[in-house]
PDB file of N, CA and C in Angstrom:
ATOM      1  N   MET A   1      31.154   4.403 -26.302  1.00  0.00           N
ATOM      2  CA  MET A   1      30.415   3.825 -27.493  1.00  0.00           C
ATOM      3  C   MET A   1      29.320   2.933 -26.800  1.00  0.00           C
ATOM      4  N   SER A   2      28.091   2.955 -27.451  1.00  0.00           N
ATOM      5  CA  SER A   2      27.120   2.180 -26.792  1.00  0.00           C
ATOM      6  C   SER A   2      27.274   0.733 -27.310  1.00  0.00           C
ATOM      7  N   ARG A   3      26.690  -0.095 -26.615  1.00  0.00           N
ATOM      8  CA  ARG A   3      26.480  -1.520 -27.058  1.00  0.00           C
ATOM      9  C   ARG A   3      24.953  -1.986 -26.807  1.00  0.00           C
ATOM     10  N   GLN A   4      24.404  -2.913 -27.575  1.00  0.00           N
ATOM     11  CA  GLN A   4      23.241  -3.346 -27.382  1.00  0.00           C
ATOM     12  C   GLN A   4      23.395  -4.800 -26.741  1.00  0.00           C
ATOM     13  N   ILE A   5      22.566  -5.168 -25.781  1.00  0.00           N
ATOM     14  CA  ILE A   5      22.501  -6.519 -25.122  1.00  0.00           C
ATOM     15  C   ILE A   5      21.044  -6.923 -25.251  1.00  0.00           C
ATOM     16  N   ARG A   6      20.890  -8.174 -25.225  1.00  0.00           N
ATOM     17  CA  ARG A   6      19.566  -8.597 -25.200  1.00  0.00           C
ATOM     18  C   ARG A   6      19.361  -9.386 -23.995  1.00  0.00           C
ATOM     19  N   ILE A   7      18.226  -9.364 -23.322  1.00  0.00           N
ATOM     20  CA  ILE A   7      17.904  -9.925 -22.017  1.00  0.00           C
ATOM     21  C   ILE A   7      16.522 -10.718 -22.141  1.00  0.00           C
ATOM     22  N   THR A   8      16.411 -11.811 -21.609  1.00  0.00           N
ATOM     23  CA  THR A   8      15.205 -12.562 -21.461  1.00  0.00           C
ATOM     24  C   THR A   8      14.603 -12.468 -20.109  1.00  0.00           C
ATOM     25  N   VAL A   9      13.420 -11.973 -20.051  1.00  0.00           N
ATOM     26  CA  VAL A   9      12.694 -11.829 -18.679  1.00  0.00           C
ATOM     27  C   VAL A   9      11.387 -12.791 -18.778  1.00  0.00           C
ATOM     28  N   SER A  10      10.877 -13.117 -17.533  1.00  0.00           N
ATOM     29  CA  SER A  10       9.661 -13.851 -17.419  1.00  0.00           C
ATOM     30  C   SER A  10       8.475 -13.096 -18.055  1.00  0.00           C
ATOM     31  N   ARG A  11       7.457 -13.494 -18.327  1.00  0.00           N
ATOM     32  CA  ARG A  11       6.368 -12.849 -18.921  1.00  0.00           C
ATOM     33  C   ARG A  11       5.764 -11.882 -17.787  1.00  0.00           C
ATOM     34  N   ASP A  12       5.729 -12.191 -16.708  1.00  0.00           N
ATOM     35  CA  ASP A  12       5.285 -11.271 -15.513  1.00  0.00           C
ATOM     36  C   ASP A  12       6.157 -10.061 -15.458  1.00  0.00           C
ATOM     37  N   ILE A  13       7.480 -10.250 -15.426  1.00  0.00           N
ATOM     38  CA  ILE A  13       8.383  -9.107 -15.603  1.00  0.00           C
ATOM     39  C   ILE A  13       8.104  -8.244 -16.737  1.00  0.00           C
ATOM     40  N   ASP A  14       7.977  -8.796 -17.890  1.00  0.00           N
ATOM     41  CA  ASP A  14       7.589  -8.015 -18.993  1.00  0.00           C
ATOM     42  C   ASP A  14       6.468  -7.362 -18.888  1.00  0.00           C
ATOM     43  N   LEU A  15       5.289  -7.952 -18.491  1.00  0.00           N
ATOM     44  CA  LEU A  15       4.018  -7.195 -18.346  1.00  0.00           C
ATOM     45  C   LEU A  15       4.333  -5.958 -17.270  1.00  0.00           C
ATOM     46  N   LEU A  16       5.042  -6.292 -16.157  1.00  0.00           N
ATOM     47  CA  LEU A  16       5.230  -5.160 -15.229  1.00  0.00           C
ATOM     48  C   LEU A  16       6.060  -3.990 -15.779  1.00  0.00           C
ATOM     49  N   LEU A  17       7.141  -4.270 -16.582  1.00  0.00           N
ATOM     50  CA  LEU A  17       7.880  -3.279 -17.319  1.00  0.00           C
ATOM     51  C   LEU A  17       7.081  -2.599 -18.105  1.00  0.00           C
ATOM     52  N   SER A  18       6.123  -3.225 -18.940  1.00  0.00           N
ATOM     53  CA  SER A  18       5.446  -2.537 -19.936  1.00  0.00           C
ATOM     54  C   SER A  18       4.347  -1.531 -18.977  1.00  0.00           C
ATOM     55  N   LYS A  19       3.763  -1.976 -18.083  1.00  0.00           N
ATOM     56  CA  LYS A  19       2.791  -1.137 -17.370  1.00  0.00           C
ATOM     57  C   LYS A  19       3.500   0.200 -16.945  1.00  0.00           C
ATOM     58  N   VAL A  20       4.784  -0.014 -16.072  1.00  0.00           N
ATOM     59  CA  VAL A  20       5.542   1.033 -15.581  1.00  0.00           C
ATOM     60  C   VAL A  20       6.016   1.923 -16.561  1.00  0.00           C
ATOM     61  N   ALA A  21       6.508   1.532 -17.730  1.00  0.00           N
ATOM     62  CA  ALA A  21       6.979   2.211 -18.753  1.00  0.00           C
ATOM     63  C   ALA A  21       5.917   3.048 -19.176  1.00  0.00           C
ATOM     64  N   LYS A  22       4.706   2.566 -19.549  1.00  0.00           N
ATOM     65  CA  LYS A  22       3.644   3.286 -19.994  1.00  0.00           C
ATOM     66  C   LYS A  22       3.222   4.480 -19.045  1.00  0.00           C
ATOM     67  N   LYS A  23       3.230   4.046 -17.857  1.00  0.00           N
ATOM     68  CA  LYS A  23       2.867   5.058 -16.768  1.00  0.00           C
ATOM     69  C   LYS A  23       3.884   6.380 -16.799  1.00  0.00           C
ATOM     70  N   LEU A  24       5.240   5.852 -16.935  1.00  0.00           N
ATOM     71  CA  LEU A  24       6.146   6.978 -16.881  1.00  0.00           C
ATOM     72  C   LEU A  24       6.525   7.496 -18.253  1.00  0.00           C
ATOM     73  N   GLY A  25       5.920   7.083 -19.305  1.00  0.00           N
ATOM     74  CA  GLY A  25       6.151   7.673 -20.704  1.00  0.00           C
ATOM     75  C   GLY A  25       7.488   7.238 -21.079  1.00  0.00           C
ATOM     76  N   LYS A  26       7.957   6.172 -20.948  1.00  0.00           N
ATOM     77  CA  LYS A  26       9.104   5.756 -21.209  1.00  0.00           C
ATOM     78  C   LYS A  26       9.112   4.494 -22.172  1.00  0.00           C
ATOM     79  N   LYS A  27      10.093   4.301 -22.994  1.00  0.00           N
ATOM     80  CA  LYS A  27      10.185   2.938 -23.698  1.00  0.00           C
ATOM     81  C   LYS A  27      10.401   1.880 -22.621  1.00  0.00           C
ATOM     82  N   LYS A  28       9.902   0.761 -22.849  1.00  0.00           N
ATOM     83  CA  LYS A  28      10.375  -0.439 -21.894  1.00  0.00           C
ATOM     84  C   LYS A  28      11.736  -0.741 -21.989  1.00  0.00           C
ATOM     85  N   SER A  29      12.501  -0.550 -23.049  1.00  0.00           N
ATOM     86  CA  SER A  29      14.002  -0.940 -22.957  1.00  0.00           C
ATOM     87  C   SER A  29      14.747   0.020 -22.161  1.00  0.00           C
ATOM     88  N   MET A  30      14.325   1.398 -22.329  1.00  0.00           N
ATOM     89  CA  MET A  30      14.823   2.547 -21.502  1.00  0.00           C
ATOM     90  C   MET A  30      14.677   2.277 -20.050  1.00  0.00           C
ATOM     91  N   LEU A  31      13.619   1.878 -19.719  1.00  0.00           N
ATOM     92  CA  LEU A  31      13.252   1.708 -18.257  1.00  0.00           C
ATOM     93  C   LEU A  31      14.057   0.427 -17.783  1.00  0.00           C
ATOM     94  N   ALA A  32      14.121  -0.563 -18.518  1.00  0.00           N
ATOM     95  CA  ALA A  32      15.000  -1.742 -18.132  1.00  0.00           C
ATOM     96  C   ALA A  32      16.460  -1.392 -17.953  1.00  0.00           C
ATOM     97  N   ARG A  33      16.977  -0.591 -18.898  1.00  0.00           N
ATOM     98  CA  ARG A  33      18.281  -0.128 -18.913  1.00  0.00           C
ATOM     99  C   ARG A  33      18.573   0.802 -17.461  1.00  0.00           C
ATOM    100  N   GLU A  34      17.566   1.632 -17.250  1.00  0.00           N
ATOM    101  CA  GLU A  34      17.852   2.338 -16.079  1.00  0.00           C
ATOM    102  C   GLU A  34      17.874   1.551 -14.744  1.00  0.00           C
ATOM    103  N   LEU A  35      16.951   0.535 -14.707  1.00  0.00           N
ATOM    104  CA  LEU A  35      17.034  -0.212 -13.701  1.00  0.00           C
ATOM    105  C   LEU A  35      18.276  -1.066 -13.478  1.00  0.00           C
ATOM    106  N   MET A  36      18.666  -1.566 -14.493  1.00  0.00           N
ATOM    107  CA  MET A  36      19.865  -2.439 -14.437  1.00  0.00           C
ATOM    108  C   MET A  36      21.013  -1.454 -14.015  1.00  0.00           C
ATOM    109  N   GLU A  37      21.113  -0.265 -14.558  1.00  0.00           N
ATOM    110  CA  GLU A  37      22.141   0.646 -14.119  1.00  0.00           C
ATOM    111  C   GLU A  37      22.050   1.093 -12.545  1.00  0.00           C
ATOM    112  N   GLN A  38      20.842   1.203 -12.350  1.00  0.00           N
ATOM    113  CA  GLN A  38      20.707   1.509 -10.754  1.00  0.00           C
ATOM    114  C   GLN A  38      21.153   0.385  -9.939  1.00  0.00           C
ATOM    115  N   LYS A  39      20.615  -0.766 -10.193  1.00  0.00           N
ATOM    116  CA  LYS A  39      21.247  -2.026  -9.459  1.00  0.00           C
ATOM    117  C   LYS A  39      22.663  -2.165  -9.324  1.00  0.00           C
ATOM    118  N   LEU A  40      23.385  -1.814 -10.491  1.00  0.00           N
ATOM    119  CA  LEU A  40      24.625  -1.965 -10.613  1.00  0.00           C
ATOM    120  C   LEU A  40      25.375  -0.960  -9.614  1.00  0.00           C
ATOM    121  N   TYR A  41      24.703   0.256  -9.582  1.00  0.00           N
ATOM    122  CA  TYR A  41      25.174   1.273  -8.565  1.00  0.00           C
ATOM    123  C   TYR A  41      25.056   0.828  -6.992  1.00  0.00           C
ATOM    124  N   ASP A  42      23.713   0.234  -6.906  1.00  0.00           N
ATOM    125  CA  ASP A  42      23.376  -0.146  -5.538  1.00  0.00           C
ATOM    126  C   ASP A  42      24.351  -1.302  -5.153  1.00  0.00           C
ATOM    127  N   LEU A  43      24.771  -1.980  -6.182  1.00  0.00           N
ATOM    128  CA  LEU A  43      25.849  -3.210  -5.583  1.00  0.00           C
ATOM    129  C   LEU A  43      27.168  -2.580  -5.592  1.00  0.00           C
ATOM    130  N   LYS A  44      27.475  -1.375  -5.841  1.00  0.00           N
ATOM    131  CA  LYS A  44      28.642  -0.715  -5.828  1.00  0.00           C
ATOM    132  C   LYS A  44      29.678  -1.299  -6.794  1.00  0.00           C
ATOM    133  N   LEU A  45      29.131  -1.899  -7.650  1.00  0.00           N
ATOM    134  CA  LEU A  45      29.969  -2.646  -9.123  1.00  0.00           C
ATOM    135  C   LEU A  45      30.570  -1.393  -9.820  1.00  0.00           C
ATOM    136  N   ILE A  46      29.817  -0.405 -10.062  1.00  0.00           N
ATOM    137  CA  ILE A  46      30.475   0.585 -10.929  1.00  0.00           C
ATOM    138  C   ILE A  46      31.259   1.370 -10.259  1.00  0.00           C
ATOM    139  N   GLN A  47      31.023   1.776  -9.023  1.00  0.00           N
ATOM    140  CA  GLN A  47      31.987   2.466  -8.107  1.00  0.00           C
ATOM    141  C   GLN A  47      33.360   1.907  -8.045  1.00  0.00           C
ATOM    142  N   LYS A  48      33.230   0.658  -7.884  1.00  0.00           N
ATOM    143  CA  LYS A  48      34.553  -0.247  -7.686  1.00  0.00           C
ATOM    144  C   LYS A  48      35.251  -0.097  -9.042  1.00  0.00           C
ATOM    145  N   GLU A  49      34.582  -0.364 -10.118  1.00  0.00           N
ATOM    146  CA  GLU A  49      35.315  -0.244 -11.355  1.00  0.00           C
ATOM    147  C   GLU A  49      36.042   0.965 -11.631  1.00  0.00           C
ATOM    148  N   LEU A  50      35.277   2.159 -11.294  1.00  0.00           N
ATOM    149  CA  LEU A  50      35.777   3.404 -11.384  1.00  0.00           C
ATOM    150  C   LEU A  50      37.020   3.558 -10.530  1.00  0.00           C
ATOM    151  N   TRP A  51      36.845   3.257  -9.323  1.00  0.00           N
ATOM    152  CA  TRP A  51      37.867   3.299  -8.485  1.00  0.00           C
ATOM    153  C   TRP A  51      39.264   2.619  -8.929  1.00  0.00           C
ATOM    154  N   ASP A  52      39.060   1.422  -9.258  1.00  0.00           N
ATOM    155  CA  ASP A  52      40.014   0.521  -9.799  1.00  0.00           C
ATOM    156  C   ASP A  52      40.785   1.237 -11.233  1.00  0.00           C
ATOM    157  N   LEU A  53      40.054   1.868 -11.884  1.00  0.00           N
ATOM    158  CA  LEU A  53      40.612   2.524 -13.036  1.00  0.00           C
ATOM    159  C   LEU A  53      41.379   3.715 -12.477  1.00  0.00           C
ATOM    160  N   ARG A  54      40.933   4.424 -11.577  1.00  0.00           N
ATOM    161  CA  ARG A  54      41.523   5.568 -11.061  1.00  0.00           C
ATOM    162  C   ARG A  54      43.025   5.243 -10.501  1.00  0.00           C
ATOM    163  N   GLU A  55      43.234   4.044  -9.949  1.00  0.00           N
ATOM    164  CA  GLU A  55      44.378   3.606  -9.283  1.00  0.00           C
ATOM    165  C   GLU A  55      45.314   3.235 -10.270  1.00  0.00           C
ATOM    166  N   ASP A  56      44.861   2.771 -11.545  1.00  0.00           N
ATOM    167  CA  ASP A  56      45.718   2.485 -12.549  1.00  0.00           C
ATOM    168  C   ASP A  56      46.783   3.407 -13.230  1.00  0.00           C
TER     169      ASP A  56
END
């Protein structure tokens, strides 16, 4: 099940997200979600959670 969250970013980050999203032909919210998910993978937080679930 999907959940919505709201984030607050600086004006500069908002402008950057807007520019990149336009260039990629994506919605700004989709780009922000993809970036957040990628960062979670990079920090190995998602892999750790999945590994912990496997051990239960």
